[in-house]
C-alpha atoms as a PDB file:
ATOM      1  CA  UNK A   1     -34.151 -45.281 -44.793  1.00  0.00           C
ATOM      2  CA  UNK A   2     -35.746 -41.998 -43.721  1.00  0.00           C
ATOM      3  CA  UNK A   3     -33.852 -39.076 -42.255  1.00  0.00           C
ATOM      4  CA  UNK A   4     -35.402 -39.765 -38.852  1.00  0.00           C
ATOM      5  CA  UNK A   5     -34.277 -43.404 -38.920  1.00  0.00           C
ATOM      6  CA  UNK A   6     -30.736 -42.359 -39.811  1.00  0.00           C
ATOM      7  CA  UNK A   7     -30.676 -39.918 -36.880  1.00  0.00           C
ATOM      8  CA  UNK A   8     -31.918 -42.652 -34.536  1.00  0.00           C
ATOM      9  CA  UNK A   9     -29.225 -45.065 -35.739  1.00  0.00           C
ATOM     10  CA  UNK A  10     -26.556 -42.401 -35.190  1.00  0.00           C
ATOM     11  CA  UNK A  11     -27.932 -41.607 -31.737  1.00  0.00           C
ATOM     12  CA  UNK A  12     -27.869 -45.271 -30.699  1.00  0.00           C
ATOM     13  CA  UNK A  13     -24.355 -45.672 -32.070  1.00  0.00           C
ATOM     14  CA  UNK A  14     -23.108 -42.646 -30.130  1.00  0.00           C
ATOM     15  CA  UNK A  15     -24.860 -43.873 -27.000  1.00  0.00           C
ATOM     16  CA  UNK A  16     -23.160 -47.264 -27.396  1.00  0.00           C
ATOM     17  CA  UNK A  17     -19.744 -45.668 -27.849  1.00  0.00           C
ATOM     18  CA  UNK A  18     -20.344 -43.461 -24.813  1.00  0.00           C
ATOM     19  CA  UNK A  19     -21.457 -46.396 -22.704  1.00  0.00           C
ATOM     20  CA  UNK A  20     -18.397 -48.377 -23.759  1.00  0.00           C
ATOM     21  CA  UNK A  21     -16.148 -45.466 -22.805  1.00  0.00           C
ATOM     22  CA  UNK A  22     -17.812 -45.206 -19.411  1.00  0.00           C
ATOM     23  CA  UNK A  23     -17.448 -48.924 -18.735  1.00  0.00           C
ATOM     24  CA  UNK A  24     -13.805 -48.841 -19.848  1.00  0.00           C
ATOM     25  CA  UNK A  25     -13.016 -45.840 -17.653  1.00  0.00           C
ATOM     26  CA  UNK A  26     -14.745 -47.415 -14.656  1.00  0.00           C
ATOM     27  CA  UNK A  27     -12.860 -50.690 -15.153  1.00  0.00           C
ATOM     28  CA  UNK A  28      -9.585 -48.779 -15.422  1.00  0.00           C
ATOM     29  CA  UNK A  29     -10.301 -46.943 -12.181  1.00  0.00           C
ATOM     30  CA  UNK A  30     -11.400 -50.053 -10.328  1.00  0.00           C
ATOM     31  CA  UNK A  31      -8.357 -52.101 -11.346  1.00  0.00           C
ATOM     32  CA  UNK A  32      -5.786 -49.335 -10.852  1.00  0.00           C
ATOM     33  CA  UNK A  33      -3.371 -49.886  -7.954  1.00  0.00           C
ATOM     34  CA  UNK A  34      -4.747 -47.164  -5.663  1.00  0.00           C
ATOM     35  CA  UNK A  35      -6.260 -47.018  -2.233  1.00  0.00           C
ATOM     36  CA  UNK A  36      -9.991 -47.686  -2.160  1.00  0.00           C
ATOM     37  CA  UNK A  37     -10.815 -44.203  -0.898  1.00  0.00           C
ATOM     38  CA  UNK A  38      -8.837 -42.597  -3.749  1.00  0.00           C
ATOM     39  CA  UNK A  39     -10.587 -44.768  -6.299  1.00  0.00           C
ATOM     40  CA  UNK A  40     -14.024 -43.953  -4.884  1.00  0.00           C
ATOM     41  CA  UNK A  41     -13.283 -40.216  -4.878  1.00  0.00           C
ATOM     42  CA  UNK A  42     -12.008 -40.334  -8.457  1.00  0.00           C
ATOM     43  CA  UNK A  43     -14.962 -42.417  -9.609  1.00  0.00           C
ATOM     44  CA  UNK A  44     -17.423 -40.059  -7.900  1.00  0.00           C
ATOM     45  CA  UNK A  45     -15.770 -37.087  -9.596  1.00  0.00           C
ATOM     46  CA  UNK A  46     -15.946 -38.738 -13.017  1.00  0.00           C
ATOM     47  CA  UNK A  47     -19.606 -39.646 -12.498  1.00  0.00           C
ATOM     48  CA  UNK A  48     -20.422 -36.049 -11.514  1.00  0.00           C
ATOM     49  CA  UNK A  49     -18.640 -34.798 -14.619  1.00  0.00           C
ATOM     50  CA  UNK A  50     -20.498 -37.302 -16.794  1.00  0.00           C
ATOM     51  CA  UNK A  51     -23.826 -36.350 -15.242  1.00  0.00           C
ATOM     52  CA  UNK A  52     -23.170 -32.686 -15.976  1.00  0.00           C
ATOM     53  CA  UNK A  53     -22.203 -33.383 -19.585  1.00  0.00           C
ATOM     54  CA  UNK A  54     -25.232 -35.632 -20.067  1.00  0.00           C
ATOM     55  CA  UNK A  55     -27.607 -33.005 -18.668  1.00  0.00           C
ATOM     56  CA  UNK A  56     -26.019 -30.370 -20.905  1.00  0.00           C
ATOM     57  CA  UNK A  57     -26.399 -32.585 -23.979  1.00  0.00           C
ATOM     58  CA  UNK A  58     -30.030 -33.391 -23.127  1.00  0.00           C
ATOM     59  CA  UNK A  59     -30.836 -29.702 -22.678  1.00  0.00           C
ATOM     60  CA  UNK A  60     -29.270 -28.936 -26.075  1.00  0.00           C
ATOM     61  CA  UNK A  61     -31.319 -31.694 -27.720  1.00  0.00           C
ATOM     62  CA  UNK A  62     -34.525 -30.446 -26.098  1.00  0.00           C
ATOM     63  CA  UNK A  63     -33.803 -26.887 -27.250  1.00  0.00           C
ATOM     64  CA  UNK A  64     -33.173 -28.114 -30.802  1.00  0.00           C
ATOM     65  CA  UNK A  65     -36.402 -30.112 -30.768  1.00  0.00           C
ATOM     66  CA  UNK A  66     -38.418 -27.147 -29.451  1.00  0.00           C
ATOM     67  CA  UNK A  67     -36.895 -24.880 -32.095  1.00  0.00           C
ATOM     68  CA  UNK A  68     -37.716 -27.402 -34.830  1.00  0.00           C
ATOM     69  CA  UNK A  69     -41.286 -27.794 -33.523  1.00  0.00           C
ATOM     70  CA  UNK A  70     -41.748 -24.011 -33.423  1.00  0.00           C
ATOM     71  CA  UNK A  71     -40.489 -23.652 -36.989  1.00  0.00           C
ATOM     72  CA  UNK A  72     -42.866 -26.394 -38.159  1.00  0.00           C
ATOM     73  CA  UNK A  73     -45.804 -24.673 -36.409  1.00  0.00           C
ATOM     74  CA  UNK A  74     -45.066 -21.414 -38.155  1.00  0.00           C
ATOM     75  CA  UNK A  75     -44.809 -23.298 -41.418  1.00  0.00           C
ATOM     76  CA  UNK A  76     -41.374 -22.105 -42.462  1.00  0.00           C
END
């Protein structure tokens, strides 16, 4: 298995774990004995937090890729 394939497998595994955590957290919020408005506010807050973390992670990955591409262009 090449290094690229191993990275892809790890990425898919982490994505699966993250998706499972999101689904579990959402189920916990939806089945908790709270008022509907409280649940919606909490869920909206968690989704905003997740969106921010996801955007941050994507930006880091893009920066790493651009750095790697630049290094390969230079031939180092």
